[in-house]
Amino acid sequence: MTEAEDPTETLRRFRHSIDNIDAALIYLLAERFKCTKQVGRLKAEYKMPPSDPAREEQQIARLRALAEQADLDPEFAHKWFSFVVAEVIRHHEAAADDAS
């Protein structure tokens, strides 16, 4: 920031960028959950377990590596993924209950 820049305007621009990123994240999460709900229906139809610990471990390792490459705390990426997977499993369990 230069001396001539108004800090209030700079803050407004930063916040506008953050708001746009947040909106994109919400839409991306919605798309992700559309896909995982399809997975849940497939698993329910074929009596597959709602969770896949081996897949989850692979994804954790993959996302931790991506986080490091992106200069994001890998532990944060792990926590985020664990939070999302818990919700996905809840959806898969509900789909299995509905199929019964």
C-alpha atoms as a PDB file:
ATOM      1  CA  MET A   1       0.000   0.000   0.000  1.00  0.00           C
ATOM      2  CA  THR A   2       1.360   3.405  -0.915  1.00  0.00           C
ATOM      3  CA  GLU A   3       1.008   6.488   1.254  1.00  0.00           C
ATOM      4  CA  ALA A   4      -1.488   7.918  -1.212  1.00  0.00           C
ATOM      5  CA  GLU A   5      -3.871   4.942  -0.847  1.00  0.00           C
ATOM      6  CA  ASP A   6      -6.834   5.303   1.436  1.00  0.00           C
ATOM      7  CA  PRO A   7      -6.715   2.429   3.942  1.00  0.00           C
ATOM      8  CA  THR A   8     -10.512   2.353   4.091  1.00  0.00           C
ATOM      9  CA  GLU A   9     -10.713   1.849   0.318  1.00  0.00           C
ATOM     10  CA  THR A  10      -7.974  -0.780   0.441  1.00  0.00           C
ATOM     11  CA  LEU A  11      -9.877  -2.613   3.182  1.00  0.00           C
ATOM     12  CA  ARG A  12     -13.075  -2.431   1.108  1.00  0.00           C
ATOM     13  CA  ARG A  13     -11.281  -3.966  -1.892  1.00  0.00           C
ATOM     14  CA  PHE A  14      -9.807  -6.759   0.218  1.00  0.00           C
ATOM     15  CA  ARG A  15     -13.205  -7.518   1.716  1.00  0.00           C
ATOM     16  CA  HIS A  16     -14.822  -7.508  -1.713  1.00  0.00           C
ATOM     17  CA  SER A  17     -12.264 -10.092  -2.870  1.00  0.00           C
ATOM     18  CA  ILE A  18     -12.887 -12.182   0.250  1.00  0.00           C
ATOM     19  CA  ASP A  19     -16.656 -12.031  -0.338  1.00  0.00           C
ATOM     20  CA  ASN A  20     -16.190 -13.242  -3.923  1.00  0.00           C
ATOM     21  CA  ILE A  21     -13.947 -16.087  -2.801  1.00  0.00           C
ATOM     22  CA  ASP A  22     -16.459 -17.082  -0.103  1.00  0.00           C
ATOM     23  CA  ALA A  23     -19.244 -17.170  -2.700  1.00  0.00           C
ATOM     24  CA  ALA A  24     -17.135 -19.356  -4.995  1.00  0.00           C
ATOM     25  CA  LEU A  25     -16.345 -21.719  -2.110  1.00  0.00           C
ATOM     26  CA  ILE A  26     -20.042 -22.088  -1.269  1.00  0.00           C
ATOM     27  CA  TYR A  27     -20.928 -22.923  -4.860  1.00  0.00           C
ATOM     28  CA  LEU A  28     -18.022 -25.376  -5.112  1.00  0.00           C
ATOM     29  CA  LEU A  29     -19.101 -27.080  -1.889  1.00  0.00           C
ATOM     30  CA  ALA A  30     -22.659 -27.326  -3.211  1.00  0.00           C
ATOM     31  CA  GLU A  31     -21.355 -29.031  -6.363  1.00  0.00           C
ATOM     32  CA  ARG A  32     -19.208 -31.355  -4.278  1.00  0.00           C
ATOM     33  CA  PHE A  33     -22.199 -32.380  -2.162  1.00  0.00           C
ATOM     34  CA  LYS A  34     -24.308 -33.004  -5.279  1.00  0.00           C
ATOM     35  CA  CYS A  35     -21.656 -35.520  -6.353  1.00  0.00           C
ATOM     36  CA  THR A  36     -21.303 -37.120  -2.933  1.00  0.00           C
ATOM     37  CA  LYS A  37     -25.088 -37.491  -2.638  1.00  0.00           C
ATOM     38  CA  GLN A  38     -25.030 -39.457  -5.894  1.00  0.00           C
ATOM     39  CA  VAL A  39     -22.277 -41.615  -4.407  1.00  0.00           C
ATOM     40  CA  GLY A  40     -24.454 -42.122  -1.320  1.00  0.00           C
ATOM     41  CA  ARG A  41     -27.424 -43.252  -3.399  1.00  0.00           C
ATOM     42  CA  LEU A  42     -25.199 -45.667  -5.346  1.00  0.00           C
ATOM     43  CA  LYS A  43     -23.725 -47.072  -2.135  1.00  0.00           C
ATOM     44  CA  ALA A  44     -27.200 -47.471  -0.648  1.00  0.00           C
ATOM     45  CA  GLU A  45     -28.516 -49.220  -3.750  1.00  0.00           C
ATOM     46  CA  TYR A  46     -25.673 -51.738  -3.713  1.00  0.00           C
ATOM     47  CA  LYS A  47     -25.489 -52.087   0.085  1.00  0.00           C
ATOM     48  CA  MET A  48     -22.002 -50.603   0.276  1.00  0.00           C
ATOM     49  CA  PRO A  49     -20.798 -49.088   3.571  1.00  0.00           C
ATOM     50  CA  PRO A  50     -21.342 -45.325   3.959  1.00  0.00           C
ATOM     51  CA  SER A  51     -17.677 -44.671   4.688  1.00  0.00           C
ATOM     52  CA  ASP A  52     -14.487 -45.806   3.002  1.00  0.00           C
ATOM     53  CA  PRO A  53     -11.591 -45.331   5.445  1.00  0.00           C
ATOM     54  CA  ALA A  54      -8.944 -46.304   2.867  1.00  0.00           C
ATOM     55  CA  ARG A  55     -10.243 -43.692   0.399  1.00  0.00           C
ATOM     56  CA  GLU A  56     -10.422 -41.097   3.172  1.00  0.00           C
ATOM     57  CA  GLU A  57      -6.787 -41.720   4.141  1.00  0.00           C
ATOM     58  CA  GLN A  58      -5.705 -41.380   0.502  1.00  0.00           C
ATOM     59  CA  GLN A  59      -7.607 -38.118   0.217  1.00  0.00           C
ATOM     60  CA  ILE A  60      -6.137 -36.757   3.446  1.00  0.00           C
ATOM     61  CA  ALA A  61      -2.614 -37.451   2.186  1.00  0.00           C
ATOM     62  CA  ARG A  62      -3.453 -35.902  -1.201  1.00  0.00           C
ATOM     63  CA  LEU A  63      -5.036 -32.799   0.305  1.00  0.00           C
ATOM     64  CA  ARG A  64      -2.218 -32.307   2.808  1.00  0.00           C
ATOM     65  CA  ALA A  65       0.262 -32.362  -0.096  1.00  0.00           C
ATOM     66  CA  LEU A  66      -1.879 -29.925  -2.095  1.00  0.00           C
ATOM     67  CA  ALA A  67      -2.113 -27.655   0.943  1.00  0.00           C
ATOM     68  CA  GLU A  68       1.664 -27.606   1.282  1.00  0.00           C
ATOM     69  CA  GLN A  69       2.006 -26.725  -2.407  1.00  0.00           C
ATOM     70  CA  ALA A  70      -0.562 -23.948  -1.988  1.00  0.00           C
ATOM     71  CA  ASP A  71       1.139 -22.574   1.142  1.00  0.00           C
ATOM     72  CA  LEU A  72      -1.851 -23.544   3.290  1.00  0.00           C
ATOM     73  CA  ASP A  73      -1.493 -25.234   6.664  1.00  0.00           C
ATOM     74  CA  PRO A  74      -1.835 -28.992   5.947  1.00  0.00           C
ATOM     75  CA  GLU A  75      -3.412 -29.494   9.368  1.00  0.00           C
ATOM     76  CA  PHE A  76      -6.133 -27.007   8.448  1.00  0.00           C
ATOM     77  CA  ALA A  77      -6.750 -28.901   5.193  1.00  0.00           C
ATOM     78  CA  HIS A  78      -6.996 -32.146   7.177  1.00  0.00           C
ATOM     79  CA  LYS A  79      -9.484 -30.617   9.639  1.00  0.00           C
ATOM     80  CA  TRP A  80     -11.556 -29.163   6.798  1.00  0.00           C
ATOM     81  CA  PHE A  81     -11.657 -32.497   4.984  1.00  0.00           C
ATOM     82  CA  SER A  82     -12.597 -34.366   8.156  1.00  0.00           C
ATOM     83  CA  PHE A  83     -15.465 -31.929   8.728  1.00  0.00           C
ATOM     84  CA  VAL A  84     -16.725 -32.355   5.153  1.00  0.00           C
ATOM     85  CA  VAL A  85     -16.392 -36.154   5.242  1.00  0.00           C
ATOM     86  CA  ALA A  86     -18.416 -36.333   8.463  1.00  0.00           C
ATOM     87  CA  GLU A  87     -21.258 -34.535   6.674  1.00  0.00           C
ATOM     88  CA  VAL A  88     -20.894 -36.758   3.594  1.00  0.00           C
ATOM     89  CA  ILE A  89     -21.086 -39.896   5.736  1.00  0.00           C
ATOM     90  CA  ARG A  90     -24.201 -38.514   7.442  1.00  0.00           C
ATOM     91  CA  HIS A  91     -25.775 -38.090   3.986  1.00  0.00           C
ATOM     92  CA  HIS A  92     -24.715 -41.611   2.975  1.00  0.00           C
ATOM     93  CA  GLU A  93     -26.190 -43.086   6.153  1.00  0.00           C
ATOM     94  CA  ALA A  94     -29.459 -41.236   5.483  1.00  0.00           C
ATOM     95  CA  ALA A  95     -29.505 -42.581   1.912  1.00  0.00           C
ATOM     96  CA  ALA A  96     -28.954 -46.114   3.252  1.00  0.00           C
ATOM     97  CA  ASP A  97     -31.808 -45.646   5.733  1.00  0.00           C
ATOM     98  CA  ASP A  98     -34.079 -44.393   2.948  1.00  0.00           C
ATOM     99  CA  ALA A  99     -33.180 -47.401   0.784  1.00  0.00           C
ATOM    100  CA  SER A 100     -34.069 -49.875   3.547  1.00  0.00           C
END
